PDB file of all heavy atoms in Angstrom:
ATOM      1  N   CYS A   1     103.985  84.454 133.935  1.00  0.00           N
ATOM      2  CA  CYS A   1     103.224  84.577 132.681  1.00  0.00           C
ATOM      3  C   CYS A   1     104.154  84.416 131.489  1.00  0.00           C
ATOM      4  O   CYS A   1     105.310  84.851 131.529  1.00  0.00           O
ATOM      5  CB  CYS A   1     102.559  85.958 132.599  1.00  0.00           C
ATOM      6  SG  CYS A   1     101.421  86.316 133.945  1.00  0.00           S
ATOM      7  N   ALA A   2     103.664  83.808 130.419  1.00  0.00           N
ATOM      8  CA  ALA A   2     104.417  83.782 129.164  1.00  0.00           C
ATOM      9  C   ALA A   2     104.296  85.172 128.549  1.00  0.00           C
ATOM     10  O   ALA A   2     103.260  85.823 128.673  1.00  0.00           O
ATOM     11  CB  ALA A   2     103.849  82.734 128.230  1.00  0.00           C
ATOM     12  N   LEU A   3     105.351  85.640 127.903  1.00  0.00           N
ATOM     13  CA  LEU A   3     105.363  86.999 127.377  1.00  0.00           C
ATOM     14  C   LEU A   3     105.759  87.022 125.906  1.00  0.00           C
ATOM     15  O   LEU A   3     106.833  86.546 125.538  1.00  0.00           O
ATOM     16  CB  LEU A   3     106.335  87.849 128.198  1.00  0.00           C
ATOM     17  CG  LEU A   3     106.547  89.289 127.761  1.00  0.00           C
ATOM     18  CD1 LEU A   3     105.264  90.111 127.900  1.00  0.00           C
ATOM     19  CD2 LEU A   3     107.676  89.944 128.584  1.00  0.00           C
ATOM     20  N   TRP A   4     104.862  87.567 125.087  1.00  0.00           N
ATOM     21  CA  TRP A   4     105.186  87.790 123.672  1.00  0.00           C
ATOM     22  C   TRP A   4     105.262  89.299 123.441  1.00  0.00           C
ATOM     23  O   TRP A   4     104.327  90.029 123.778  1.00  0.00           O
ATOM     24  CB  TRP A   4     104.122  87.168 122.752  1.00  0.00           C
ATOM     25  CG  TRP A   4     104.455  87.359 121.304  1.00  0.00           C
ATOM     26  CD1 TRP A   4     105.318  86.595 120.567  1.00  0.00           C
ATOM     27  CD2 TRP A   4     103.953  88.362 120.420  1.00  0.00           C
ATOM     28  NE1 TRP A   4     105.378  87.076 119.280  1.00  0.00           N
ATOM     29  CE2 TRP A   4     104.550  88.171 119.161  1.00  0.00           C
ATOM     30  CE3 TRP A   4     103.056  89.433 120.572  1.00  0.00           C
ATOM     31  CZ2 TRP A   4     104.288  88.968 118.064  1.00  0.00           C
ATOM     32  CZ3 TRP A   4     102.789  90.240 119.472  1.00  0.00           C
ATOM     33  CH2 TRP A   4     103.410  90.006 118.231  1.00  0.00           C
ATOM     34  N   ASP A   5     106.403  89.736 122.898  1.00  0.00           N
ATOM     35  CA  ASP A   5     106.694  91.153 122.749  1.00  0.00           C
ATOM     36  C   ASP A   5     106.692  91.516 121.263  1.00  0.00           C
ATOM     37  O   ASP A   5     107.514  91.024 120.501  1.00  0.00           O
ATOM     38  CB  ASP A   5     108.054  91.436 123.392  1.00  0.00           C
ATOM     39  CG  ASP A   5     108.490  92.887 123.322  1.00  0.00           C
ATOM     40  OD1 ASP A   5     108.060  93.613 122.400  1.00  0.00           O
ATOM     41  OD2 ASP A   5     109.276  93.301 124.183  1.00  0.00           O
ATOM     42  N   ALA A   6     105.745  92.366 120.862  1.00  0.00           N
ATOM     43  CA  ALA A   6     105.621  92.728 119.440  1.00  0.00           C
ATOM     44  C   ALA A   6     106.872  93.420 118.924  1.00  0.00           C
ATOM     45  O   ALA A   6     107.328  93.141 117.804  1.00  0.00           O
ATOM     46  CB  ALA A   6     104.401  93.637 119.242  1.00  0.00           C
ATOM     47  N   ASP A   7     107.463  94.321 119.723  1.00  0.00           N
ATOM     48  CA  ASP A   7     108.683  95.019 119.281  1.00  0.00           C
ATOM     49  C   ASP A   7     109.848  94.060 119.092  1.00  0.00           C
ATOM     50  O   ASP A   7     110.602  94.162 118.120  1.00  0.00           O
ATOM     51  CB  ASP A   7     109.081  96.117 120.286  1.00  0.00           C
ATOM     52  CG  ASP A   7     108.192  97.351 120.168  1.00  0.00           C
ATOM     53  OD1 ASP A   7     107.509  97.504 119.130  1.00  0.00           O
ATOM     54  OD2 ASP A   7     108.163  98.171 121.114  1.00  0.00           O
ATOM     55  N   ALA A   8     109.967  93.103 120.014  1.00  0.00           N
ATOM     56  CA  ALA A   8     111.043  92.105 119.900  1.00  0.00           C
ATOM     57  C   ALA A   8     110.831  91.250 118.650  1.00  0.00           C
ATOM     58  O   ALA A   8     111.794  90.872 117.969  1.00  0.00           O
ATOM     59  CB  ALA A   8     111.069  91.221 121.149  1.00  0.00           C
ATOM     60  N   ALA A   9     109.566  90.960 118.335  1.00  0.00           N
ATOM     61  CA  ALA A   9     109.266  90.176 117.125  1.00  0.00           C
ATOM     62  C   ALA A   9     109.720  90.937 115.883  1.00  0.00           C
ATOM     63  O   ALA A   9     110.329  90.358 114.970  1.00  0.00           O
ATOM     64  CB  ALA A   9     107.756  89.890 117.038  1.00  0.00           C
ATOM     65  N   VAL A  10     109.463  92.256 115.852  1.00  0.00           N
ATOM     66  CA  VAL A  10     109.885  93.063 114.705  1.00  0.00           C
ATOM     67  C   VAL A  10     111.407  93.062 114.598  1.00  0.00           C
ATOM     68  O   VAL A  10     111.960  92.932 113.502  1.00  0.00           O
ATOM     69  CB  VAL A  10     109.322  94.504 114.800  1.00  0.00           C
ATOM     70  CG1 VAL A  10     109.912  95.381 113.709  1.00  0.00           C
ATOM     71  CG2 VAL A  10     107.793  94.493 114.687  1.00  0.00           C
ATOM     72  N   HIS A  11     112.100  93.163 115.739  1.00  0.00           N
ATOM     73  CA  HIS A  11     113.573  93.116 115.714  1.00  0.00           C
ATOM     74  C   HIS A  11     114.066  91.800 115.122  1.00  0.00           C
ATOM     75  O   HIS A  11     115.004  91.790 114.322  1.00  0.00           O
ATOM     76  CB  HIS A  11     114.143  93.301 117.127  1.00  0.00           C
ATOM     77  CG  HIS A  11     114.223  94.735 117.553  1.00  0.00           C
ATOM     78  ND1 HIS A  11     115.164  95.611 117.038  1.00  0.00           N
ATOM     79  CD2 HIS A  11     113.474  95.460 118.409  1.00  0.00           C
ATOM     80  CE1 HIS A  11     114.993  96.804 117.577  1.00  0.00           C
ATOM     81  NE2 HIS A  11     113.970  96.747 118.407  1.00  0.00           N
ATOM     82  N   ARG A  12     113.415  90.698 115.501  1.00  0.00           N
ATOM     83  CA  ARG A  12     113.803  89.389 114.936  1.00  0.00           C
ATOM     84  C   ARG A  12     113.602  89.372 113.419  1.00  0.00           C
ATOM     85  O   ARG A  12     114.426  88.855 112.672  1.00  0.00           O
ATOM     86  CB  ARG A  12     112.963  88.264 115.571  1.00  0.00           C
ATOM     87  CG  ARG A  12     113.361  87.879 116.970  1.00  0.00           C
ATOM     88  CD  ARG A  12     112.716  86.568 117.417  1.00  0.00           C
ATOM     89  NE  ARG A  12     111.273  86.660 117.576  1.00  0.00           N
ATOM     90  CZ  ARG A  12     110.652  87.095 118.672  1.00  0.00           C
ATOM     91  NH1 ARG A  12     111.370  87.510 119.706  1.00  0.00           N
ATOM     92  NH2 ARG A  12     109.335  87.118 118.763  1.00  0.00           N
ATOM     93  N   LEU A  13     112.483  89.930 112.983  1.00  0.00           N
ATOM     94  CA  LEU A  13     112.160  89.938 111.546  1.00  0.00           C
ATOM     95  C   LEU A  13     113.136  90.793 110.746  1.00  0.00           C
ATOM     96  O   LEU A  13     113.423  90.502 109.598  1.00  0.00           O
ATOM     97  CB  LEU A  13     110.734  90.456 111.331  1.00  0.00           C
ATOM     98  CG  LEU A  13     109.603  89.585 111.880  1.00  0.00           C
ATOM     99  CD1 LEU A  13     108.285  90.336 111.839  1.00  0.00           C
ATOM    100  CD2 LEU A  13     109.491  88.286 111.091  1.00  0.00           C
ATOM    101  N   TYR A  14     113.632  91.872 111.388  1.00  0.00           N
ATOM    102  CA  TYR A  14     114.542  92.812 110.713  1.00  0.00           C
ATOM    103  C   TYR A  14     116.003  92.368 110.776  1.00  0.00           C
ATOM    104  O   TYR A  14     116.847  92.886 110.048  1.00  0.00           O
ATOM    105  CB  TYR A  14     114.437  94.199 111.356  1.00  0.00           C
ATOM    106  CG  TYR A  14     113.207  94.986 110.960  1.00  0.00           C
ATOM    107  CD1 TYR A  14     112.267  94.489 110.079  1.00  0.00           C
ATOM    108  CD2 TYR A  14     112.984  96.266 111.486  1.00  0.00           C
ATOM    109  CE1 TYR A  14     111.143  95.217 109.724  1.00  0.00           C
ATOM    110  CE2 TYR A  14     111.859  97.015 111.129  1.00  0.00           C
ATOM    111  CZ  TYR A  14     110.945  96.491 110.246  1.00  0.00           C
ATOM    112  OH  TYR A  14     109.840  97.216 109.891  1.00  0.00           O
ATOM    113  N   ASP A  15     116.308  91.427 111.666  1.00  0.00           N
ATOM    114  CA  ASP A  15     117.697  91.019 111.872  1.00  0.00           C
ATOM    115  C   ASP A  15     118.185  90.120 110.729  1.00  0.00           C
ATOM    116  O   ASP A  15     117.386  89.682 109.898  1.00  0.00           O
ATOM    117  CB  ASP A  15     117.824  90.278 113.208  1.00  0.00           C
ATOM    118  CG  ASP A  15     119.190  90.490 113.847  1.00  0.00           C
ATOM    119  OD1 ASP A  15     120.067  91.083 113.190  1.00  0.00           O
ATOM    120  OD2 ASP A  15     119.383  90.078 114.997  1.00  0.00           O
ATOM    121  N   LYS A  16     119.486  89.849 110.704  1.00  0.00           N
ATOM    122  CA  LYS A  16     120.079  88.987 109.662  1.00  0.00           C
ATOM    123  C   LYS A  16     119.319  87.670 109.589  1.00  0.00           C
ATOM    124  O   LYS A  16     119.103  87.018 110.606  1.00  0.00           O
ATOM    125  CB  LYS A  16     121.545  88.720 110.010  1.00  0.00           C
ATOM    126  CG  LYS A  16     122.489  89.185 108.939  1.00  0.00           C
ATOM    127  CD  LYS A  16     123.907  88.745 109.213  1.00  0.00           C
ATOM    128  CE  LYS A  16     124.858  89.428 108.268  1.00  0.00           C
ATOM    129  NZ  LYS A  16     125.079  90.840 108.452  1.00  0.00           N
ATOM    130  N   GLY A  17     118.873  87.325 108.398  1.00  0.00           N
ATOM    131  CA  GLY A  17     118.121  86.083 108.227  1.00  0.00           C
ATOM    132  C   GLY A  17     116.661  86.195 108.605  1.00  0.00           C
ATOM    133  O   GLY A  17     115.913  85.222 108.498  1.00  0.00           O
ATOM    134  N   GLY A  18     116.235  87.369 109.038  1.00  0.00           N
ATOM    135  CA  GLY A  18     114.833  87.580 109.426  1.00  0.00           C
ATOM    136  C   GLY A  18     113.910  87.570 108.220  1.00  0.00           C
ATOM    137  O   GLY A  18     114.309  87.900 107.102  1.00  0.00           O
ATOM    138  N   ALA A  19     112.667  87.168 108.456  1.00  0.00           N
ATOM    139  CA  ALA A  19     111.703  86.981 107.369  1.00  0.00           C
ATOM    140  C   ALA A  19     111.330  88.279 106.644  1.00  0.00           C
ATOM    141  O   ALA A  19     110.828  88.236 105.522  1.00  0.00           O
ATOM    142  CB  ALA A  19     110.445  86.305 107.911  1.00  0.00           C
ATOM    143  N   ALA A  20     111.569  89.429 107.282  1.00  0.00           N
ATOM    144  CA  ALA A  20     111.185  90.696 106.645  1.00  0.00           C
ATOM    145  C   ALA A  20     112.287  91.266 105.740  1.00  0.00           C
ATOM    146  O   ALA A  20     112.032  92.178 104.949  1.00  0.00           O
ATOM    147  CB  ALA A  20     110.822  91.732 107.710  1.00  0.00           C
ATOM    148  N   VAL A  21     113.501  90.721 105.851  1.00  0.00           N
ATOM    149  CA  VAL A  21     114.643  91.310 105.132  1.00  0.00           C
ATOM    150  C   VAL A  21     114.452  91.269 103.612  1.00  0.00           C
ATOM    151  O   VAL A  21     114.552  92.307 102.937  1.00  0.00           O
ATOM    152  CB  VAL A  21     115.982  90.630 105.545  1.00  0.00           C
ATOM    153  CG1 VAL A  21     117.140  91.200 104.719  1.00  0.00           C
ATOM    154  CG2 VAL A  21     116.241  90.839 107.040  1.00  0.00           C
ATOM    155  N   ALA A  22     114.145  90.091 103.067  1.00  0.00           N
ATOM    156  CA  ALA A  22     114.012  89.967 101.601  1.00  0.00           C
ATOM    157  C   ALA A  22     112.860  90.803 101.040  1.00  0.00           C
ATOM    158  O   ALA A  22     113.057  91.568 100.079  1.00  0.00           O
ATOM    159  CB  ALA A  22     113.880  88.499 101.199  1.00  0.00           C
ATOM    160  N   PRO A  23     111.632  90.700 101.600  1.00  0.00           N
ATOM    161  CA  PRO A  23     110.560  91.526 101.044  1.00  0.00           C
ATOM    162  C   PRO A  23     110.812  93.028 101.198  1.00  0.00           C
ATOM    163  O   PRO A  23     110.441  93.815 100.335  1.00  0.00           O
ATOM    164  CB  PRO A  23     109.314  91.098 101.844  1.00  0.00           C
ATOM    165  CG  PRO A  23     109.796  90.308 103.003  1.00  0.00           C
ATOM    166  CD  PRO A  23     111.151  89.790 102.649  1.00  0.00           C
ATOM    167  N   MET A  24     111.485  93.419 102.286  1.00  0.00           N
ATOM    168  CA  MET A  24     111.785  94.831 102.493  1.00  0.00           C
ATOM    169  C   MET A  24     112.803  95.316 101.462  1.00  0.00           C
ATOM    170  O   MET A  24     112.698  96.418 100.939  1.00  0.00           O
ATOM    171  CB  MET A  24     112.329  95.043 103.912  1.00  0.00           C
ATOM    172  CG  MET A  24     112.097  96.419 104.456  1.00  0.00           C
ATOM    173  SD  MET A  24     110.355  96.811 104.709  1.00  0.00           S
ATOM    174  CE  MET A  24     110.192  96.417 106.402  1.00  0.00           C
ATOM    175  N   ARG A  25     113.780  94.435 101.145  1.00  0.00           N
ATOM    176  CA  ARG A  25     114.809  94.800 100.151  1.00  0.00           C
ATOM    177  C   ARG A  25     114.157  95.019  98.785  1.00  0.00           C
ATOM    178  O   ARG A  25     114.541  95.897  98.024  1.00  0.00           O
ATOM    179  CB  ARG A  25     115.869  93.695 100.072  1.00  0.00           C
ATOM    180  CG  ARG A  25     117.037  94.083  99.157  1.00  0.00           C
ATOM    181  CD  ARG A  25     118.023  92.943  98.960  1.00  0.00           C
ATOM    182  NE  ARG A  25     118.892  92.758 100.115  1.00  0.00           N
ATOM    183  CZ  ARG A  25     118.986  91.620 100.798  1.00  0.00           C
ATOM    184  NH1 ARG A  25     118.249  90.574 100.473  1.00  0.00           N
ATOM    185  NH2 ARG A  25     119.800  91.524 101.830  1.00  0.00           N
ATOM    186  N   THR A  26     113.127  94.217  98.485  1.00  0.00           N
ATOM    187  CA  THR A  26     112.423  94.342  97.199  1.00  0.00           C
ATOM    188  C   THR A  26     111.700  95.686  97.092  1.00  0.00           C
ATOM    189  O   THR A  26     111.759  96.349  96.052  1.00  0.00           O
ATOM    190  CB  THR A  26     111.390  93.197  97.051  1.00  0.00           C
ATOM    191  OG1 THR A  26     112.093  91.962  97.205  1.00  0.00           O
ATOM    192  CG2 THR A  26     110.721  93.223  95.710  1.00  0.00           C
ATOM    193  N   VAL A  27     111.036  96.098  98.168  1.00  0.00           N
ATOM    194  CA  VAL A  27     110.226  97.322  98.128  1.00  0.00           C
ATOM    195  C   VAL A  27     111.049  98.571  98.429  1.00  0.00           C
ATOM    196  O   VAL A  27     110.862  99.616  97.791  1.00  0.00           O
ATOM    197  CB  VAL A  27     109.043  97.208  99.138  1.00  0.00           C
ATOM    198  CG1 VAL A  27     108.146  98.433  99.079  1.00  0.00           C
ATOM    199  CG2 VAL A  27     108.219  95.963  98.835  1.00  0.00           C
ATOM    200  N   PHE A  28     111.959  98.457  99.403  1.00  0.00           N
ATOM    201  CA  PHE A  28     112.808  99.601  99.797  1.00  0.00           C
ATOM    202  C   PHE A  28     114.261  99.155  99.824  1.00  0.00           C
ATOM    203  O   PHE A  28     114.794  98.859 100.904  1.00  0.00           O
ATOM    204  CB  PHE A  28     112.399 100.126 101.184  1.00  0.00           C
ATOM    205  CG  PHE A  28     110.962 100.543 101.290  1.00  0.00           C
ATOM    206  CD1 PHE A  28     110.042  99.760 101.985  1.00  0.00           C
ATOM    207  CD2 PHE A  28     110.508 101.734 100.713  1.00  0.00           C
ATOM    208  CE1 PHE A  28     108.712 100.140 102.095  1.00  0.00           C
ATOM    209  CE2 PHE A  28     109.187 102.111 100.818  1.00  0.00           C
ATOM    210  CZ  PHE A  28     108.286 101.312 101.501  1.00  0.00           C
ATOM    211  N   PRO A  29     114.913  99.099  98.661  1.00  0.00           N
ATOM    212  CA  PRO A  29     116.297  98.556  98.601  1.00  0.00           C
ATOM    213  C   PRO A  29     117.281  99.255  99.553  1.00  0.00           C
ATOM    214  O   PRO A  29     118.145  98.592 100.137  1.00  0.00           O
ATOM    215  CB  PRO A  29     116.697  98.791  97.139  1.00  0.00           C
ATOM    216  CG  PRO A  29     115.412  98.931  96.399  1.00  0.00           C
ATOM    217  CD  PRO A  29     114.421  99.514  97.359  1.00  0.00           C
ATOM    218  N   THR A  30     117.139 100.572  99.738  1.00  0.00           N
ATOM    219  CA  THR A  30     118.099 101.291 100.601  1.00  0.00           C
ATOM    220  C   THR A  30     117.909 100.976 102.087  1.00  0.00           C
ATOM    221  O   THR A  30     118.766 101.287 102.907  1.00  0.00           O
ATOM    222  CB  THR A  30     117.985 102.812 100.413  1.00  0.00           C
ATOM    223  OG1 THR A  30     116.660 103.224 100.801  1.00  0.00           O
ATOM    224  CG2 THR A  30     118.254 103.240  98.990  1.00  0.00           C
ATOM    225  N   ALA A  31     116.783 100.352 102.440  1.00  0.00           N
ATOM    226  CA  ALA A  31     116.496 100.088 103.857  1.00  0.00           C
ATOM    227  C   ALA A  31     117.261  98.894 104.404  1.00  0.00           C
ATOM    228  O   ALA A  31     117.353  98.702 105.610  1.00  0.00           O
ATOM    229  CB  ALA A  31     115.000  99.874 104.063  1.00  0.00           C
ATOM    230  N   VAL A  32     117.832  98.072 103.511  1.00  0.00           N
ATOM    231  CA  VAL A  32     118.571  96.889 103.977  1.00  0.00           C
ATOM    232  C   VAL A  32     120.066  97.133 103.826  1.00  0.00           C
ATOM    233  O   VAL A  32     120.582  97.393 102.739  1.00  0.00           O
ATOM    234  CB  VAL A  32     118.142  95.624 103.204  1.00  0.00           C
ATOM    235  CG1 VAL A  32     118.962  94.414 103.643  1.00  0.00           C
ATOM    236  CG2 VAL A  32     116.655  95.359 103.408  1.00  0.00           C
ATOM    237  N   VAL A  33     120.762  97.079 104.976  1.00  0.00           N
ATOM    238  CA  VAL A  33     122.210  97.313 105.011  1.00  0.00           C
ATOM    239  C   VAL A  33     122.864  96.104 105.672  1.00  0.00           C
ATOM    240  O   VAL A  33     122.506  95.742 106.799  1.00  0.00           O
ATOM    241  CB  VAL A  33     122.540  98.606 105.814  1.00  0.00           C
ATOM    242  CG1 VAL A  33     124.043  98.856 105.819  1.00  0.00           C
ATOM    243  CG2 VAL A  33     121.788  99.810 105.245  1.00  0.00           C
ATOM    244  N   ASP A  34     123.815  95.484 104.960  1.00  0.00           N
ATOM    245  CA  ASP A  34     124.515  94.291 105.487  1.00  0.00           C
ATOM    246  C   ASP A  34     123.547  93.198 105.940  1.00  0.00           C
ATOM    247  O   ASP A  34     123.743  92.547 106.966  1.00  0.00           O
ATOM    248  CB  ASP A  34     125.451  94.665 106.647  1.00  0.00           C
ATOM    249  CG  ASP A  34     126.555  95.625 106.213  1.00  0.00           C
ATOM    250  OD1 ASP A  34     126.974  95.535 105.058  1.00  0.00           O
ATOM    251  OD2 ASP A  34     126.968  96.448 107.044  1.00  0.00           O
ATOM    252  N   GLY A  35     122.464  93.016 105.185  1.00  0.00           N
ATOM    253  CA  GLY A  35     121.518  91.942 105.483  1.00  0.00           C
ATOM    254  C   GLY A  35     120.576  92.207 106.645  1.00  0.00           C
ATOM    255  O   GLY A  35     119.870  91.321 107.109  1.00  0.00           O
ATOM    256  N   ILE A  36     120.567  93.457 107.126  1.00  0.00           N
ATOM    257  CA  ILE A  36     119.703  93.841 108.254  1.00  0.00           C
ATOM    258  C   ILE A  36     118.869  95.033 107.837  1.00  0.00           C
ATOM    259  O   ILE A  36     119.347  95.939 107.156  1.00  0.00           O
ATOM    260  CB  ILE A  36     120.564  94.208 109.509  1.00  0.00           C
ATOM    261  CG1 ILE A  36     121.347  92.985 109.986  1.00  0.00           C
ATOM    262  CG2 ILE A  36     119.701  94.772 110.623  1.00  0.00           C
ATOM    263  CD1 ILE A  36     122.413  93.285 111.010  1.00  0.00           C
ATOM    264  N   VAL A  37     117.580  95.030 108.227  1.00  0.00           N
ATOM    265  CA  VAL A  37     116.715  96.179 107.935  1.00  0.00           C
ATOM    266  C   VAL A  37     117.135  97.320 108.875  1.00  0.00           C
ATOM    267  O   VAL A  37     117.123  97.165 110.097  1.00  0.00           O
ATOM    268  CB  VAL A  37     115.223  95.839 108.117  1.00  0.00           C
ATOM    269  CG1 VAL A  37     114.366  97.083 107.890  1.00  0.00           C
ATOM    270  CG2 VAL A  37     114.798  94.729 107.151  1.00  0.00           C
ATOM    271  N   ASN A  38     117.516  98.439 108.281  1.00  0.00           N
ATOM    272  CA  ASN A  38     118.002  99.586 109.048  1.00  0.00           C
ATOM    273  C   ASN A  38     116.821 100.482 109.449  1.00  0.00           C
ATOM    274  O   ASN A  38     116.181 101.103 108.596  1.00  0.00           O
ATOM    275  CB  ASN A  38     119.020 100.352 108.171  1.00  0.00           C
ATOM    276  CG  ASN A  38     119.640 101.509 108.903  1.00  0.00           C
ATOM    277  OD1 ASN A  38     118.954 102.354 109.472  1.00  0.00           O
ATOM    278  ND2 ASN A  38     120.960 101.540 108.892  1.00  0.00           N
ATOM    279  N   ARG A  39     116.533 100.532 110.747  1.00  0.00           N
ATOM    280  CA  ARG A  39     115.380 101.277 111.223  1.00  0.00           C
ATOM    281  C   ARG A  39     115.511 102.790 110.990  1.00  0.00           C
ATOM    282  O   ARG A  39     114.511 103.459 110.725  1.00  0.00           O
ATOM    283  CB  ARG A  39     115.146 101.003 112.719  1.00  0.00           C
ATOM    284  CG  ARG A  39     114.582  99.613 112.945  1.00  0.00           C
ATOM    285  CD  ARG A  39     114.318  99.334 114.401  1.00  0.00           C
ATOM    286  NE  ARG A  39     113.317  98.265 114.495  1.00  0.00           N
ATOM    287  CZ  ARG A  39     112.388  98.171 115.417  1.00  0.00           C
ATOM    288  NH1 ARG A  39     112.292  99.067 116.357  1.00  0.00           N
ATOM    289  NH2 ARG A  39     111.522  97.180 115.415  1.00  0.00           N
ATOM    290  N   ALA A  40     116.724 103.289 111.095  1.00  0.00           N
ATOM    291  CA  ALA A  40     116.939 104.731 110.883  1.00  0.00           C
ATOM    292  C   ALA A  40     116.608 105.095 109.427  1.00  0.00           C
ATOM    293  O   ALA A  40     115.981 106.125 109.156  1.00  0.00           O
ATOM    294  CB  ALA A  40     118.379 105.107 111.221  1.00  0.00           C
ATOM    295  N   GLU A  41     117.009 104.219 108.499  1.00  0.00           N
ATOM    296  CA  GLU A  41     116.704 104.449 107.083  1.00  0.00           C
ATOM    297  C   GLU A  41     115.197 104.355 106.841  1.00  0.00           C
ATOM    298  O   GLU A  41     114.626 105.139 106.072  1.00  0.00           O
ATOM    299  CB  GLU A  41     117.479 103.431 106.217  1.00  0.00           C
ATOM    300  CG  GLU A  41     117.207 103.509 104.728  1.00  0.00           C
ATOM    301  CD  GLU A  41     117.610 104.832 104.050  1.00  0.00           C
ATOM    302  OE1 GLU A  41     118.297 105.661 104.669  1.00  0.00           O
ATOM    303  OE2 GLU A  41     117.210 105.019 102.885  1.00  0.00           O
ATOM    304  N   LEU A  42     114.540 103.401 107.507  1.00  0.00           N
ATOM    305  CA  LEU A  42     113.080 103.279 107.378  1.00  0.00           C
ATOM    306  C   LEU A  42     112.391 104.555 107.844  1.00  0.00           C
ATOM    307  O   LEU A  42     111.467 105.041 107.196  1.00  0.00           O
ATOM    308  CB  LEU A  42     112.559 102.097 108.203  1.00  0.00           C
ATOM    309  CG  LEU A  42     112.594 100.711 107.585  1.00  0.00           C
ATOM    310  CD1 LEU A  42     111.837  99.729 108.471  1.00  0.00           C
ATOM    311  CD2 LEU A  42     112.038 100.687 106.169  1.00  0.00           C
ATOM    312  N   LYS A  43     112.863 105.110 108.974  1.00  0.00           N
ATOM    313  CA  LYS A  43     112.280 106.361 109.496  1.00  0.00           C
ATOM    314  C   LYS A  43     112.423 107.481 108.463  1.00  0.00           C
ATOM    315  O   LYS A  43     111.523 108.275 108.266  1.00  0.00           O
ATOM    316  CB  LYS A  43     112.989 106.769 110.802  1.00  0.00           C
ATOM    317  CG  LYS A  43     112.425 106.091 112.022  1.00  0.00           C
ATOM    318  CD  LYS A  43     113.100 106.629 113.288  1.00  0.00           C
ATOM    319  CE  LYS A  43     112.698 105.796 114.485  1.00  0.00           C
ATOM    320  NZ  LYS A  43     113.634 105.871 115.594  1.00  0.00           N
ATOM    321  N   ARG A  44     113.618 107.523 107.823  1.00  0.00           N
ATOM    322  CA  ARG A  44     113.865 108.568 106.811  1.00  0.00           C
ATOM    323  C   ARG A  44     112.910 108.393 105.627  1.00  0.00           C
ATOM    324  O   ARG A  44     112.323 109.357 105.121  1.00  0.00           O
ATOM    325  CB  ARG A  44     115.329 108.502 106.344  1.00  0.00           C
ATOM    326  CG  ARG A  44     115.763 109.673 105.463  1.00  0.00           C
ATOM    327  CD  ARG A  44     117.107 109.409 104.799  1.00  0.00           C
ATOM    328  NE  ARG A  44     117.051 108.305 103.847  1.00  0.00           N
ATOM    329  CZ  ARG A  44     116.468 108.370 102.643  1.00  0.00           C
ATOM    330  NH1 ARG A  44     115.848 109.469 102.256  1.00  0.00           N
ATOM    331  NH2 ARG A  44     116.491 107.326 101.831  1.00  0.00           N
ATOM    332  N   ILE A  45     112.732 107.137 105.196  1.00  0.00           N
ATOM    333  CA  ILE A  45     111.832 106.834 104.067  1.00  0.00           C
ATOM    334  C   ILE A  45     110.405 107.239 104.413  1.00  0.00           C
ATOM    335  O   ILE A  45     109.710 107.868 103.616  1.00  0.00           O
ATOM    336  CB  ILE A  45     111.920 105.323 103.709  1.00  0.00           C
ATOM    337  CG1 ILE A  45     113.303 104.993 103.092  1.00  0.00           C
ATOM    338  CG2 ILE A  45     110.800 104.931 102.745  1.00  0.00           C
ATOM    339  CD1 ILE A  45     113.592 103.505 102.979  1.00  0.00           C
ATOM    340  N   ILE A  46     109.965 106.887 105.625  1.00  0.00           N
ATOM    341  CA  ILE A  46     108.599 107.220 106.055  1.00  0.00           C
ATOM    342  C   ILE A  46     108.396 108.738 106.098  1.00  0.00           C
ATOM    343  O   ILE A  46     107.344 109.243 105.701  1.00  0.00           O
ATOM    344  CB  ILE A  46     108.306 106.583 107.444  1.00  0.00           C
ATOM    345  CG1 ILE A  46     108.205 105.055 107.306  1.00  0.00           C
ATOM    346  CG2 ILE A  46     107.012 107.135 108.054  1.00  0.00           C
ATOM    347  CD1 ILE A  46     108.276 104.293 108.612  1.00  0.00           C
TER     348      ILE A  46
END
């Protein structure tokens, strides 16, 4: 079977060059560290 993994997709989006990095930096500047969305910081913000 072909497999699409939602969690893996989010990791791709949060990684360096990922599509979520720039919009996330705009809304939550502290959540982006070294060009990567930091999940631990997101948890703290939430």
